[in-house]
PDB file of all heavy atoms in Angstrom:
ATOM      1  N   GLY A   1      -9.046  -8.180  14.632  1.00  0.00           N
ATOM      2  CA  GLY A   1      -7.770  -7.973  15.323  1.00  0.00           C
ATOM      3  C   GLY A   1      -6.743  -7.363  14.381  1.00  0.00           C
ATOM      4  O   GLY A   1      -6.755  -7.626  13.181  1.00  0.00           O
ATOM      5  N   CYS A   2      -5.883  -6.545  14.917  1.00  0.00           N
ATOM      6  CA  CYS A   2      -4.824  -5.923  14.114  1.00  0.00           C
ATOM      7  C   CYS A   2      -3.663  -5.572  15.032  1.00  0.00           C
ATOM      8  O   CYS A   2      -3.843  -4.912  16.050  1.00  0.00           O
ATOM      9  CB  CYS A   2      -5.355  -4.664  13.424  1.00  0.00           C
ATOM     10  SG  CYS A   2      -4.105  -3.810  12.429  1.00  0.00           S
ATOM     11  N   ASN A   3      -2.465  -6.002  14.646  1.00  0.00           N
ATOM     12  CA  ASN A   3      -1.265  -5.728  15.443  1.00  0.00           C
ATOM     13  C   ASN A   3      -0.329  -4.743  14.756  1.00  0.00           C
ATOM     14  O   ASN A   3       0.817  -4.587  15.171  1.00  0.00           O
ATOM     15  CB  ASN A   3      -0.518  -7.031  15.727  1.00  0.00           C
ATOM     16  CG  ASN A   3      -1.311  -7.983  16.609  1.00  0.00           C
ATOM     17  OD1 ASN A   3      -1.954  -7.548  17.567  1.00  0.00           O
ATOM     18  ND2 ASN A   3      -1.281  -9.267  16.288  1.00  0.00           N
ATOM     19  N   SER A   4      -0.818  -4.103  13.686  1.00  0.00           N
ATOM     20  CA  SER A   4       0.015  -3.153  12.951  1.00  0.00           C
ATOM     21  C   SER A   4      -0.251  -1.732  13.437  1.00  0.00           C
ATOM     22  O   SER A   4      -1.407  -1.352  13.663  1.00  0.00           O
ATOM     23  CB  SER A   4      -0.285  -3.233  11.448  1.00  0.00           C
ATOM     24  OG  SER A   4       0.058  -4.496  10.927  1.00  0.00           O
ATOM     25  N   TYR A   5       0.822  -0.959  13.583  1.00  0.00           N
ATOM     26  CA  TYR A   5       0.736   0.441  13.988  1.00  0.00           C
ATOM     27  C   TYR A   5       1.468   1.278  12.944  1.00  0.00           C
ATOM     28  O   TYR A   5       2.555   0.913  12.499  1.00  0.00           O
ATOM     29  CB  TYR A   5       1.367   0.645  15.367  1.00  0.00           C
ATOM     30  CG  TYR A   5       0.638  -0.109  16.457  1.00  0.00           C
ATOM     31  CD1 TYR A   5       0.880  -1.462  16.685  1.00  0.00           C
ATOM     32  CD2 TYR A   5      -0.320   0.522  17.249  1.00  0.00           C
ATOM     33  CE1 TYR A   5       0.188  -2.169  17.672  1.00  0.00           C
ATOM     34  CE2 TYR A   5      -1.011  -0.165  18.236  1.00  0.00           C
ATOM     35  CZ  TYR A   5      -0.742  -1.510  18.437  1.00  0.00           C
ATOM     36  OH  TYR A   5      -1.432  -2.191  19.417  1.00  0.00           O
ATOM     37  N   ALA A   6       0.862   2.379  12.552  1.00  0.00           N
ATOM     38  CA  ALA A   6       1.458   3.165  11.469  1.00  0.00           C
ATOM     39  C   ALA A   6       1.033   4.619  11.568  1.00  0.00           C
ATOM     40  O   ALA A   6       0.181   4.993  12.374  1.00  0.00           O
ATOM     41  CB  ALA A   6       1.028   2.580  10.114  1.00  0.00           C
ATOM     42  N   ALA A   7       1.637   5.432  10.705  1.00  0.00           N
ATOM     43  CA  ALA A   7       1.214   6.824  10.536  1.00  0.00           C
ATOM     44  C   ALA A   7       0.090   6.843   9.506  1.00  0.00           C
ATOM     45  O   ALA A   7      -0.122   5.882   8.762  1.00  0.00           O
ATOM     46  CB  ALA A   7       2.391   7.673  10.068  1.00  0.00           C
ATOM     47  N   TRP A   8      -0.609   7.947   9.435  1.00  0.00           N
ATOM     48  CA  TRP A   8      -1.734   8.066   8.514  1.00  0.00           C
ATOM     49  C   TRP A   8      -1.317   7.860   7.059  1.00  0.00           C
ATOM     50  O   TRP A   8      -2.105   7.375   6.241  1.00  0.00           O
ATOM     51  CB  TRP A   8      -2.405   9.422   8.676  1.00  0.00           C
ATOM     52  CG  TRP A   8      -3.309   9.529   9.871  1.00  0.00           C
ATOM     53  CD1 TRP A   8      -2.976  10.003  11.110  1.00  0.00           C
ATOM     54  CD2 TRP A   8      -4.701   9.166   9.943  1.00  0.00           C
ATOM     55  NE1 TRP A   8      -4.064   9.948  11.954  1.00  0.00           N
ATOM     56  CE2 TRP A   8      -5.142   9.442  11.267  1.00  0.00           C
ATOM     57  CE3 TRP A   8      -5.610   8.644   9.026  1.00  0.00           C
ATOM     58  CZ2 TRP A   8      -6.451   9.214  11.681  1.00  0.00           C
ATOM     59  CZ3 TRP A   8      -6.921   8.418   9.438  1.00  0.00           C
ATOM     60  CH2 TRP A   8      -7.342   8.697  10.752  1.00  0.00           C
ATOM     61  N   ASN A   9      -0.092   8.243   6.696  1.00  0.00           N
ATOM     62  CA  ASN A   9       0.313   8.112   5.290  1.00  0.00           C
ATOM     63  C   ASN A   9       0.513   6.659   4.864  1.00  0.00           C
ATOM     64  O   ASN A   9       0.745   6.375   3.689  1.00  0.00           O
ATOM     65  CB  ASN A   9       1.572   8.929   5.001  1.00  0.00           C
ATOM     66  CG  ASN A   9       2.812   8.387   5.704  1.00  0.00           C
ATOM     67  OD1 ASN A   9       2.717   7.505   6.556  1.00  0.00           O
ATOM     68  ND2 ASN A   9       3.958   8.919   5.356  1.00  0.00           N
ATOM     69  N   PHE A  10       0.442   5.722   5.813  1.00  0.00           N
ATOM     70  CA  PHE A  10       0.482   4.286   5.490  1.00  0.00           C
ATOM     71  C   PHE A  10      -0.523   3.965   4.392  1.00  0.00           C
ATOM     72  O   PHE A  10      -0.241   3.202   3.459  1.00  0.00           O
ATOM     73  CB  PHE A  10       0.181   3.484   6.758  1.00  0.00           C
ATOM     74  CG  PHE A  10      -0.099   2.016   6.543  1.00  0.00           C
ATOM     75  CD1 PHE A  10       0.932   1.083   6.606  1.00  0.00           C
ATOM     76  CD2 PHE A  10      -1.397   1.559   6.318  1.00  0.00           C
ATOM     77  CE1 PHE A  10       0.670  -0.269   6.431  1.00  0.00           C
ATOM     78  CE2 PHE A  10      -1.661   0.211   6.139  1.00  0.00           C
ATOM     79  CZ  PHE A  10      -0.624  -0.706   6.193  1.00  0.00           C
ATOM     80  N   PHE A  11      -1.715   4.547   4.491  1.00  0.00           N
ATOM     81  CA  PHE A  11      -2.797   4.211   3.561  1.00  0.00           C
ATOM     82  C   PHE A  11      -2.531   4.790   2.173  1.00  0.00           C
ATOM     83  O   PHE A  11      -2.793   4.142   1.156  1.00  0.00           O
ATOM     84  CB  PHE A  11      -4.135   4.692   4.135  1.00  0.00           C
ATOM     85  CG  PHE A  11      -4.339   4.204   5.543  1.00  0.00           C
ATOM     86  CD1 PHE A  11      -4.143   5.048   6.628  1.00  0.00           C
ATOM     87  CD2 PHE A  11      -4.656   2.875   5.792  1.00  0.00           C
ATOM     88  CE1 PHE A  11      -4.279   4.587   7.929  1.00  0.00           C
ATOM     89  CE2 PHE A  11      -4.802   2.408   7.091  1.00  0.00           C
ATOM     90  CZ  PHE A  11      -4.611   3.262   8.166  1.00  0.00           C
ATOM     91  N   GLN A  12      -1.985   5.992   2.116  1.00  0.00           N
ATOM     92  CA  GLN A  12      -1.633   6.584   0.823  1.00  0.00           C
ATOM     93  C   GLN A  12      -0.572   5.741   0.110  1.00  0.00           C
ATOM     94  O   GLN A  12      -0.673   5.491  -1.093  1.00  0.00           O
ATOM     95  CB  GLN A  12      -1.106   8.003   1.031  1.00  0.00           C
ATOM     96  CG  GLN A  12      -2.146   8.986   1.539  1.00  0.00           C
ATOM     97  CD  GLN A  12      -1.515  10.274   2.012  1.00  0.00           C
ATOM     98  OE1 GLN A  12      -0.839  10.300   3.044  1.00  0.00           O
ATOM     99  NE2 GLN A  12      -1.730  11.352   1.279  1.00  0.00           N
ATOM    100  N   VAL A  13       0.432   5.336   0.854  1.00  0.00           N
ATOM    101  CA  VAL A  13       1.541   4.578   0.266  1.00  0.00           C
ATOM    102  C   VAL A  13       1.067   3.227  -0.266  1.00  0.00           C
ATOM    103  O   VAL A  13       1.354   2.839  -1.409  1.00  0.00           O
ATOM    104  CB  VAL A  13       2.661   4.374   1.313  1.00  0.00           C
ATOM    105  CG1 VAL A  13       3.698   3.373   0.800  1.00  0.00           C
ATOM    106  CG2 VAL A  13       3.318   5.700   1.654  1.00  0.00           C
ATOM    107  N   HIS A  14       0.309   2.506   0.548  1.00  0.00           N
ATOM    108  CA  HIS A  14      -0.008   1.120   0.180  1.00  0.00           C
ATOM    109  C   HIS A  14      -1.167   0.993  -0.800  1.00  0.00           C
ATOM    110  O   HIS A  14      -1.228   0.006  -1.550  1.00  0.00           O
ATOM    111  CB  HIS A  14      -0.242   0.298   1.442  1.00  0.00           C
ATOM    112  CG  HIS A  14       1.019   0.039   2.194  1.00  0.00           C
ATOM    113  ND1 HIS A  14       1.996  -0.808   1.733  1.00  0.00           N
ATOM    114  CD2 HIS A  14       1.500   0.578   3.350  1.00  0.00           C
ATOM    115  CE1 HIS A  14       3.005  -0.825   2.570  1.00  0.00           C
ATOM    116  NE2 HIS A  14       2.734   0.018   3.562  1.00  0.00           N
ATOM    117  N   ILE A  15      -2.068   1.944  -0.834  1.00  0.00           N
ATOM    118  CA  ILE A  15      -3.122   1.899  -1.858  1.00  0.00           C
ATOM    119  C   ILE A  15      -2.493   2.005  -3.245  1.00  0.00           C
ATOM    120  O   ILE A  15      -2.807   1.232  -4.156  1.00  0.00           O
ATOM    121  CB  ILE A  15      -4.148   3.025  -1.624  1.00  0.00           C
ATOM    122  CG1 ILE A  15      -5.030   2.693  -0.417  1.00  0.00           C
ATOM    123  CG2 ILE A  15      -5.015   3.231  -2.866  1.00  0.00           C
ATOM    124  CD1 ILE A  15      -5.972   3.816  -0.011  1.00  0.00           C
ATOM    125  N   LEU A  16      -1.587   2.970  -3.411  1.00  0.00           N
ATOM    126  CA  LEU A  16      -0.948   3.145  -4.712  1.00  0.00           C
ATOM    127  C   LEU A  16       0.007   1.984  -5.011  1.00  0.00           C
ATOM    128  O   LEU A  16       0.057   1.493  -6.145  1.00  0.00           O
ATOM    129  CB  LEU A  16      -0.197   4.474  -4.760  1.00  0.00           C
ATOM    130  CG  LEU A  16       0.503   4.790  -6.089  1.00  0.00           C
ATOM    131  CD1 LEU A  16      -0.489   4.767  -7.247  1.00  0.00           C
ATOM    132  CD2 LEU A  16       1.209   6.144  -6.015  1.00  0.00           C
ATOM    133  N   ALA A  17       0.752   1.548  -3.997  1.00  0.00           N
ATOM    134  CA  ALA A  17       1.693   0.442  -4.217  1.00  0.00           C
ATOM    135  C   ALA A  17       0.968  -0.822  -4.664  1.00  0.00           C
ATOM    136  O   ALA A  17       1.437  -1.544  -5.556  1.00  0.00           O
ATOM    137  CB  ALA A  17       2.484   0.175  -2.944  1.00  0.00           C
ATOM    138  N   GLN A  18      -0.185  -1.097  -4.061  1.00  0.00           N
ATOM    139  CA  GLN A  18      -0.938  -2.292  -4.445  1.00  0.00           C
ATOM    140  C   GLN A  18      -1.509  -2.155  -5.855  1.00  0.00           C
ATOM    141  O   GLN A  18      -1.483  -3.119  -6.638  1.00  0.00           O
ATOM    142  CB  GLN A  18      -2.068  -2.548  -3.443  1.00  0.00           C
ATOM    143  CG  GLN A  18      -2.808  -3.850  -3.696  1.00  0.00           C
ATOM    144  CD  GLN A  18      -1.902  -5.062  -3.578  1.00  0.00           C
ATOM    145  OE1 GLN A  18      -1.189  -5.226  -2.591  1.00  0.00           O
ATOM    146  NE2 GLN A  18      -1.911  -5.913  -4.605  1.00  0.00           N
ATOM    147  N   TRP A  19      -2.013  -0.968  -6.195  1.00  0.00           N
ATOM    148  CA  TRP A  19      -2.544  -0.764  -7.545  1.00  0.00           C
ATOM    149  C   TRP A  19      -1.448  -0.967  -8.582  1.00  0.00           C
ATOM    150  O   TRP A  19      -1.657  -1.627  -9.608  1.00  0.00           O
ATOM    151  CB  TRP A  19      -3.144   0.643  -7.672  1.00  0.00           C
ATOM    152  CG  TRP A  19      -3.856   0.836  -8.980  1.00  0.00           C
ATOM    153  CD1 TRP A  19      -5.177   0.623  -9.241  1.00  0.00           C
ATOM    154  CD2 TRP A  19      -3.265   1.278 -10.216  1.00  0.00           C
ATOM    155  NE1 TRP A  19      -5.451   0.881 -10.561  1.00  0.00           N
ATOM    156  CE2 TRP A  19      -4.295   1.286 -11.194  1.00  0.00           C
ATOM    157  CE3 TRP A  19      -1.970   1.643 -10.598  1.00  0.00           C
ATOM    158  CZ2 TRP A  19      -4.065   1.662 -12.510  1.00  0.00           C
ATOM    159  CZ3 TRP A  19      -1.745   2.014 -11.919  1.00  0.00           C
ATOM    160  CH2 TRP A  19      -2.779   2.030 -12.861  1.00  0.00           C
ATOM    161  N   ARG A  20      -0.286  -0.410  -8.330  1.00  0.00           N
ATOM    162  CA  ARG A  20       0.817  -0.548  -9.286  1.00  0.00           C
ATOM    163  C   ARG A  20       1.289  -1.994  -9.374  1.00  0.00           C
ATOM    164  O   ARG A  20       1.656  -2.469 -10.447  1.00  0.00           O
ATOM    165  CB  ARG A  20       1.984   0.365  -8.889  1.00  0.00           C
ATOM    166  CG  ARG A  20       1.674   1.847  -8.978  1.00  0.00           C
ATOM    167  CD  ARG A  20       2.951   2.652  -9.068  1.00  0.00           C
ATOM    168  NE  ARG A  20       3.660   2.360 -10.300  1.00  0.00           N
ATOM    169  CZ  ARG A  20       4.994   2.339 -10.409  1.00  0.00           C
ATOM    170  NH1 ARG A  20       5.761   2.576  -9.349  1.00  0.00           N
ATOM    171  NH2 ARG A  20       5.563   2.054 -11.566  1.00  0.00           N
ATOM    172  N   TRP A  21       1.271  -2.709  -8.242  1.00  0.00           N
ATOM    173  CA  TRP A  21       1.663  -4.127  -8.241  1.00  0.00           C
ATOM    174  C   TRP A  21       0.719  -4.934  -9.133  1.00  0.00           C
ATOM    175  O   TRP A  21       1.152  -5.839  -9.849  1.00  0.00           O
ATOM    176  CB  TRP A  21       1.625  -4.654  -6.820  1.00  0.00           C
ATOM    177  CG  TRP A  21       2.161  -6.031  -6.619  1.00  0.00           C
ATOM    178  CD1 TRP A  21       1.454  -7.191  -6.524  1.00  0.00           C
ATOM    179  CD2 TRP A  21       3.537  -6.407  -6.449  1.00  0.00           C
ATOM    180  NE1 TRP A  21       2.285  -8.260  -6.304  1.00  0.00           N
ATOM    181  CE2 TRP A  21       3.576  -7.810  -6.254  1.00  0.00           C
ATOM    182  CE3 TRP A  21       4.733  -5.686  -6.438  1.00  0.00           C
ATOM    183  CZ2 TRP A  21       4.771  -8.498  -6.057  1.00  0.00           C
ATOM    184  CZ3 TRP A  21       5.923  -6.383  -6.239  1.00  0.00           C
ATOM    185  CH2 TRP A  21       5.937  -7.770  -6.055  1.00  0.00           C
ATOM    186  N   ASP A  22      -0.544  -4.574  -9.104  1.00  0.00           N
ATOM    187  CA  ASP A  22      -1.559  -5.295  -9.885  1.00  0.00           C
ATOM    188  C   ASP A  22      -1.577  -4.880 -11.355  1.00  0.00           C
ATOM    189  O   ASP A  22      -1.867  -5.707 -12.233  1.00  0.00           O
ATOM    190  CB  ASP A  22      -2.957  -5.055  -9.293  1.00  0.00           C
ATOM    191  CG  ASP A  22      -3.110  -5.649  -7.905  1.00  0.00           C
ATOM    192  OD1 ASP A  22      -2.385  -6.599  -7.570  1.00  0.00           O
ATOM    193  OD2 ASP A  22      -3.964  -5.139  -7.143  1.00  0.00           O
ATOM    194  N   HIS A  23      -1.278  -3.605 -11.652  1.00  0.00           N
ATOM    195  CA  HIS A  23      -1.465  -3.093 -13.011  1.00  0.00           C
ATOM    196  C   HIS A  23      -0.174  -2.696 -13.726  1.00  0.00           C
ATOM    197  O   HIS A  23      -0.179  -2.549 -14.952  1.00  0.00           O
ATOM    198  CB  HIS A  23      -2.402  -1.872 -12.983  1.00  0.00           C
ATOM    199  CG  HIS A  23      -3.765  -2.177 -12.470  1.00  0.00           C
ATOM    200  ND1 HIS A  23      -4.084  -2.112 -11.129  1.00  0.00           N
ATOM    201  CD2 HIS A  23      -4.897  -2.567 -13.113  1.00  0.00           C
ATOM    202  CE1 HIS A  23      -5.366  -2.434 -10.970  1.00  0.00           C
ATOM    203  NE2 HIS A  23      -5.879  -2.714 -12.151  1.00  0.00           N
ATOM    204  N   GLU A  24       0.908  -2.499 -13.002  1.00  0.00           N
ATOM    205  CA  GLU A  24       2.191  -2.098 -13.606  1.00  0.00           C
ATOM    206  C   GLU A  24       3.327  -2.943 -13.029  1.00  0.00           C
ATOM    207  O   GLU A  24       4.380  -2.428 -12.653  1.00  0.00           O
ATOM    208  CB  GLU A  24       2.445  -0.606 -13.342  1.00  0.00           C
ATOM    209  CG  GLU A  24       1.366   0.321 -13.895  1.00  0.00           C
ATOM    210  CD  GLU A  24       1.589   1.778 -13.509  1.00  0.00           C
ATOM    211  OE1 GLU A  24       2.467   2.040 -12.641  1.00  0.00           O
ATOM    212  OE2 GLU A  24       0.909   2.654 -14.056  1.00  0.00           O
ATOM    213  N   HIS A  25       3.076  -4.238 -12.951  1.00  0.00           N
ATOM    214  CA  HIS A  25       3.984  -5.130 -12.223  1.00  0.00           C
ATOM    215  C   HIS A  25       5.412  -5.109 -12.789  1.00  0.00           C
ATOM    216  O   HIS A  25       6.381  -5.043 -12.029  1.00  0.00           O
ATOM    217  CB  HIS A  25       3.435  -6.556 -12.244  1.00  0.00           C
ATOM    218  CG  HIS A  25       4.150  -7.481 -11.305  1.00  0.00           C
ATOM    219  ND1 HIS A  25       3.980  -7.420  -9.936  1.00  0.00           N
ATOM    220  CD2 HIS A  25       5.069  -8.456 -11.527  1.00  0.00           C
ATOM    221  CE1 HIS A  25       4.743  -8.327  -9.361  1.00  0.00           C
ATOM    222  NE2 HIS A  25       5.411  -8.977 -10.304  1.00  0.00           N
ATOM    223  N   GLU A  26       5.543  -5.191 -14.111  1.00  0.00           N
ATOM    224  CA  GLU A  26       6.879  -5.221 -14.707  1.00  0.00           C
ATOM    225  C   GLU A  26       7.650  -3.942 -14.414  1.00  0.00           C
ATOM    226  O   GLU A  26       8.857  -3.980 -14.117  1.00  0.00           O
ATOM    227  CB  GLU A  26       6.780  -5.449 -16.212  1.00  0.00           C
ATOM    228  CG  GLU A  26       6.328  -6.864 -16.592  1.00  0.00           C
ATOM    229  CD  GLU A  26       6.378  -7.096 -18.087  1.00  0.00           C
ATOM    230  OE1 GLU A  26       6.902  -6.220 -18.813  1.00  0.00           O
ATOM    231  OE2 GLU A  26       5.894  -8.158 -18.536  1.00  0.00           O
ATOM    232  N   ALA A  27       6.963  -2.811 -14.500  1.00  0.00           N
ATOM    233  CA  ALA A  27       7.622  -1.527 -14.214  1.00  0.00           C
ATOM    234  C   ALA A  27       8.048  -1.458 -12.750  1.00  0.00           C
ATOM    235  O   ALA A  27       9.144  -0.977 -12.426  1.00  0.00           O
ATOM    236  CB  ALA A  27       6.688  -0.371 -14.551  1.00  0.00           C
TER     237      ALA A  27
END
């Protein structure tokens, strides 16, 4: 199940955001 709706660029934004959260958290 999924109740989220987004544009295709959702995936580009959040893949990088999650990587940076995990590896560049202080920055």
